[in-house]
Each structure stands twice: as C-alpha cells, then as structure tokens.
C-alpha cells in the first residue's frame, strides 16, 4: 500500500544513511500538524483522548522552557488555550529520559497561578508511570490510532493511521493470532525456561560475590523489551 508518510520516512532514511531515523519526532510532528489544522479534531482529541475539557486550543511542538535552575526543557507537544496548559510527551521505541516527566512537572507548576496544568505521556509499549501532585494521564499510540479511525473520510488522517499500523503502533487490533503464532509462543516459553535454568545455575555464586541481585523493576523478562536482554 502506497503511503505518503512511509514514503517520506523511507526517503529520509535513504538520504541519511548511517544516521538514526527520527521516528519519534517524525510521528509527533505529523500528529501535531493534523490536530493544528482541524479545530474540531483537536477538541475531540483533547476531550476524549487526553481527558481535558475545553475548546479553542492551539498546538505547538518542540517548545523550549527554562526551569528555575536555568536548565531547559524541550516539550514534544504543547496544547493550550486561555485556561489550559498541557504537555504531551511522546515515545515510540525509546524510554523516558532521566526524570524527564518530573522536570516537565516542575515547568508546569510555574504556570499554576494562570492555567490549569496537565501532563500527558504517550508510549508505544506498556510503561506505567506514577507522577504525583499533578493531573497526569497515560495513553498509548494504539489509543490515538483507534480515535483516528473515526475520521476515515479524511484522506490524510487515513494515511496517518495506516502509517501507525505499518509501524506496529496500532495495538493488538491488527494482531491475528494463528497456529504459527501459537508455535512461536510455545518455542518462546521453552526458550525462557532454558534461560531461567542458566540464570538459576549462576545466581548462588553471583550472590556470594556481589550480594543479592537487584530485582525491583528488573526481573529478567521485563528487561527483554526495555534493554533487549534477559539477565540478572
């Protein structure tokens, strides 16, 4: 299927051989552009996806703010109106930067006297966060994909949600589980069992030398999607 966004991304990758393709920024800019060009779409997106009431919003990307300690923050998407200021941080294949959301929260708190502040976090993969003392909500790219399906009569939006699907950002709706998938799962479980046996064999010696392994949020299986490894 021909898709203008995939074509542009492939063209960039071709012309920038050896340079990391900015999928995260590319996808964010497309979404922001679609929202900025359609006020009704933006209002529904804010009300239904980001769970923020209101209308007459405007969208900005890559906006720079200065913290009180003179360090700066560059926010993926800033959506605002007279009463509201919302920061939307988008992740595709990367993880949250070091205390990134906490830093964004500090910036937002500088506007509490004039605005209702909101922090939103969008990811491709499951990445639960707990951010206190602010109106915080998480979404997945699959939520945006399902939302945009309601606007299939718009050719550009259709291209974008087809792009999300081809980038595996549409969620489980596009996953057709079949017999071959079942075979893969069985093999996967067998592989995990063998890996566990290997780790179990070295854990006692490891513990004697280095102490008990740190496991909170670092169980071996959790490290596969985060760090592409299975380890203690």
Protein backbone atom coordinates (compact mmCIF):
# COMPACT_ATOMS: atom_id res chain seq x y z
CA UNK A 1 0.00 0.00 0.00
CA UNK A 2 1.38 3.40 -1.00
CA UNK A 3 1.59 5.75 1.97
CA UNK A 4 2.93 9.30 1.84
CA UNK A 5 4.27 9.18 5.40
CA UNK A 6 6.08 5.87 4.93
CA UNK A 7 7.49 7.19 1.66
CA UNK A 8 8.82 10.32 3.35
CA UNK A 9 10.32 8.32 6.21
CA UNK A 10 11.98 5.89 3.79
CA UNK A 11 13.30 8.80 1.73
CA UNK A 12 14.84 10.37 4.82
CA UNK A 13 16.46 7.08 5.82
CA UNK A 14 17.83 6.64 2.31
CA UNK A 15 19.32 10.13 2.14
CA UNK A 16 20.69 9.98 5.71
CA UNK A 17 22.49 6.65 5.50
CA UNK A 18 24.06 5.77 8.83
CA UNK A 19 22.05 8.40 10.73
CA UNK A 20 19.34 7.31 13.17
CA UNK A 21 15.90 7.89 11.66
CA UNK A 22 13.90 10.24 13.94
CA UNK A 23 10.71 8.16 14.02
CA UNK A 24 9.59 9.69 17.31
CA UNK A 25 9.88 13.30 16.14
CA UNK A 26 8.54 12.45 12.70
CA UNK A 27 5.41 10.78 14.08
CA UNK A 28 4.85 13.54 16.64
CA UNK A 29 5.05 16.28 14.00
CA UNK A 30 2.50 14.51 11.80
CA UNK A 31 0.05 14.16 14.68
CA UNK A 32 0.52 17.77 15.77
CA UNK A 33 0.02 19.02 12.22
CA UNK A 34 -3.22 17.07 11.81
CA UNK A 35 -4.55 18.42 15.10
CA UNK A 36 -3.50 22.01 14.38
CA UNK A 37 -5.29 22.06 11.03
CA UNK A 38 -8.66 20.85 12.36
CA UNK A 39 -10.03 22.59 15.45
CA UNK A 40 -12.88 20.08 15.84
CA UNK A 41 -10.45 17.16 15.65
CA UNK A 42 -8.23 18.86 18.22
CA UNK A 43 -11.14 19.50 20.58
CA UNK A 44 -12.28 15.87 20.39
CA UNK A 45 -8.71 14.67 20.85
CA UNK A 46 -8.32 16.77 23.98
CA UNK A 47 -11.72 15.83 25.41
CA UNK A 48 -11.74 12.12 24.55
CA UNK A 49 -8.09 11.03 24.47
CA UNK A 50 -6.26 13.40 26.79
CA UNK A 51 -9.33 13.75 29.04
CA UNK A 52 -9.14 17.55 29.19
CA UNK A 53 -12.26 19.66 28.85
CA UNK A 54 -12.47 22.82 26.78
CA UNK A 55 -12.07 24.06 23.22
CA UNK A 56 -10.27 26.69 21.13
CA UNK A 57 -6.91 25.00 21.72
CA UNK A 58 -3.68 25.66 19.86
CA UNK A 59 -0.82 23.23 19.24
CA UNK A 60 2.93 23.84 19.35
CA UNK A 61 5.83 21.40 19.03
CA UNK A 62 9.39 21.32 20.33
CA UNK A 63 8.72 24.28 22.60
CA UNK A 64 11.53 25.30 24.93
CA UNK A 65 11.02 26.26 28.58
CA UNK A 66 13.56 27.30 31.21
CA UNK A 67 13.49 25.86 34.71
CA UNK A 68 14.30 27.92 37.78
CA UNK A 69 17.78 26.35 37.91
CA UNK A 70 18.38 27.66 34.35
CA UNK A 71 18.24 24.20 32.77
CA UNK A 72 15.94 23.90 29.79
CA UNK A 73 13.20 21.50 28.74
CA UNK A 74 12.05 20.95 25.19
CA UNK A 75 8.49 19.62 25.13
CA UNK A 76 7.28 17.39 22.28
CA UNK A 77 3.77 18.87 22.10
CA UNK A 78 2.26 21.80 23.99
CA UNK A 79 -1.51 22.24 23.75
CA UNK A 80 -3.10 25.27 25.35
CA UNK A 81 -5.94 27.75 25.49
CA UNK A 82 -6.72 30.62 27.85
CA UNK A 83 -7.44 28.29 30.79
CA UNK A 84 -5.33 25.22 29.99
CA UNK A 85 -1.71 24.23 29.53
CA UNK A 86 -0.94 20.60 28.61
CA UNK A 87 2.42 18.97 27.94
CA UNK A 88 2.28 15.80 25.84
CA UNK A 89 5.43 13.69 25.78
CA UNK A 90 5.53 11.04 23.05
CA UNK A 91 7.67 7.91 22.98
CA UNK A 92 7.90 5.31 20.23
CA UNK A 93 10.87 2.96 20.66
CA UNK A 94 12.66 4.90 23.38
CA UNK A 95 12.17 5.11 27.14
CA UNK A 96 11.59 8.11 29.35
CA UNK A 97 14.70 10.21 29.81
CA UNK A 98 16.19 10.62 33.28
CA UNK A 99 13.47 12.23 35.45
CA UNK A 100 12.06 13.71 32.25
CA UNK A 101 8.42 13.78 33.35
CA UNK A 102 9.38 15.16 36.76
CA UNK A 103 11.22 18.01 35.07
CA UNK A 104 8.20 18.72 32.88
CA UNK A 105 6.06 18.78 36.01
CA UNK A 106 8.32 21.43 37.52
CA UNK A 107 7.90 23.58 34.41
CA UNK A 108 4.12 23.21 34.50
CA UNK A 109 3.97 24.19 38.16
CA UNK A 110 5.41 27.57 37.19
CA UNK A 111 2.06 28.29 35.47
CA UNK A 112 -0.35 27.19 38.21
CA UNK A 113 -1.41 30.76 39.02
CA UNK A 114 -2.65 31.35 35.48
CA UNK A 115 -3.53 27.96 33.97
CA UNK A 116 -4.98 24.57 34.71
CA UNK A 117 -1.98 22.32 34.12
CA UNK A 118 -1.88 18.78 32.71
CA UNK A 119 0.87 16.28 31.96
CA UNK A 120 0.26 13.53 29.42
CA UNK A 121 2.54 10.65 28.39
CA UNK A 122 2.08 8.61 25.20
CA UNK A 123 4.02 5.41 24.52
CA UNK A 124 4.10 2.56 22.05
CA UNK A 125 4.75 -0.05 24.72
CA UNK A 126 3.38 -0.52 28.22
CA UNK A 127 5.37 1.78 30.52
CA UNK A 128 3.47 2.52 33.73
CA UNK A 129 4.42 5.76 35.48
CA UNK A 130 3.30 7.29 38.75
CA UNK A 131 3.59 11.07 38.73
CA UNK A 132 2.14 12.73 41.81
CA UNK A 133 0.96 16.29 42.55
CA UNK A 134 -0.26 16.97 39.03
CA UNK A 135 -3.09 15.91 36.74
CA UNK A 136 -1.27 13.06 34.97
CA UNK A 137 -2.63 10.58 32.46
CA UNK A 138 -1.02 7.98 30.19
CA UNK A 139 -2.11 6.86 26.75
CA UNK A 140 -0.74 4.54 24.08
CA UNK A 141 -0.34 5.16 20.38
CA UNK A 142 -2.98 2.48 19.89
CA UNK A 143 -5.48 4.81 21.61
CA UNK A 144 -4.69 7.53 19.08
CA UNK A 145 -4.97 5.01 16.25
CA UNK A 146 -8.44 3.90 17.37
CA UNK A 147 -9.52 7.51 17.82
CA UNK A 148 -8.44 8.42 14.28
CA UNK A 149 -10.42 5.52 12.81
CA UNK A 150 -13.48 7.72 13.35
CA UNK A 151 -12.08 10.12 10.75
CA UNK A 152 -11.51 7.67 7.91
CA UNK A 153 -13.22 10.01 5.46
CA UNK A 154 -10.17 12.30 5.67
CA UNK A 155 -7.51 11.01 3.29
CA UNK A 156 -4.56 12.49 5.19
CA UNK A 157 -5.77 11.06 8.50
CA UNK A 158 -6.31 7.70 6.80
CA UNK A 159 -2.71 7.80 5.58
CA UNK A 160 -1.57 8.54 9.12
CA UNK A 161 -3.44 5.72 10.84
CA UNK A 162 -2.27 3.36 8.10
CA UNK A 163 1.25 4.58 8.84
CA UNK A 164 0.71 3.83 12.56
CA UNK A 165 -0.46 0.35 11.65
CA UNK A 166 2.59 -0.30 9.48
CA UNK A 167 4.86 0.96 12.25
CA UNK A 168 3.22 -1.54 14.66
CA UNK A 169 1.71 1.30 16.69
CA UNK A 170 -1.92 0.29 16.26
CA UNK A 171 -2.03 -2.21 19.10
CA UNK A 172 -3.47 -5.69 19.28
CA UNK A 173 -6.35 -4.99 16.88
CA UNK A 174 -4.01 -5.77 13.99
CA UNK A 175 -2.62 -8.95 15.56
CA UNK A 176 -4.25 -12.00 14.02
CA UNK A 177 -3.26 -14.89 16.27
CA UNK A 178 -2.94 -18.12 14.28
CA UNK A 179 -1.41 -21.59 14.53
CA UNK A 180 2.06 -20.36 13.54
CA UNK A 181 1.90 -17.74 16.29
CA UNK A 182 0.98 -20.47 18.76
CA UNK A 183 4.04 -22.47 17.70
CA UNK A 184 6.23 -19.40 18.20
CA UNK A 185 4.76 -18.87 21.67
CA UNK A 186 5.46 -22.49 22.62
CA UNK A 187 9.04 -22.15 21.44
CA UNK A 188 9.34 -18.85 23.33
CA UNK A 189 8.22 -20.47 26.60
CA UNK A 190 10.71 -23.28 26.07
CA UNK A 191 13.49 -20.76 25.46
CA UNK A 192 12.59 -18.78 28.59
CA UNK A 193 12.67 -21.98 30.64
CA UNK A 194 16.20 -22.75 29.39
CA UNK A 195 17.33 -19.19 30.14
CA UNK A 196 15.92 -19.45 33.66
CA UNK A 197 17.90 -22.65 34.20
CA UNK A 198 21.09 -20.85 33.15
CA UNK A 199 20.45 -17.93 35.46
CA UNK A 200 19.49 -20.20 38.35
CA UNK A 201 22.80 -22.03 37.96
CA UNK A 202 24.93 -18.90 38.36
CA UNK A 203 22.78 -16.95 40.83
CA UNK A 204 24.24 -18.55 44.01
CA UNK A 205 27.84 -17.75 43.02
CA UNK A 206 26.80 -14.30 41.82
CA UNK A 207 25.12 -13.63 45.17
CA UNK A 208 28.14 -14.82 47.17
CA UNK A 209 30.42 -12.40 45.31
CA UNK A 210 28.20 -9.36 44.68
CA UNK A 211 25.26 -9.75 47.06
CA UNK A 212 21.62 -10.39 46.24
CA UNK A 213 20.68 -9.25 42.70
CA UNK A 214 18.59 -6.11 42.47
CA UNK A 215 15.27 -7.24 41.03
CA UNK A 216 12.73 -4.45 41.59
CA UNK A 217 11.51 -3.48 38.10
CA UNK A 218 14.42 -5.50 36.69
CA UNK A 219 13.02 -9.00 36.55
CA UNK A 220 14.65 -10.81 33.61
CA UNK A 221 11.50 -10.88 31.48
CA UNK A 222 10.93 -7.14 31.93
CA UNK A 223 14.41 -6.48 30.57
CA UNK A 224 13.63 -8.02 27.17
CA UNK A 225 11.51 -5.12 25.79
CA UNK A 226 13.40 -2.45 27.74
CA UNK A 227 17.02 -3.46 27.13
CA UNK A 228 16.90 -6.36 24.66
CA UNK A 229 18.44 -8.74 27.20
CA UNK A 230 17.49 -11.48 29.67
CA UNK A 231 19.66 -11.04 32.74
CA UNK A 232 20.07 -10.69 36.48
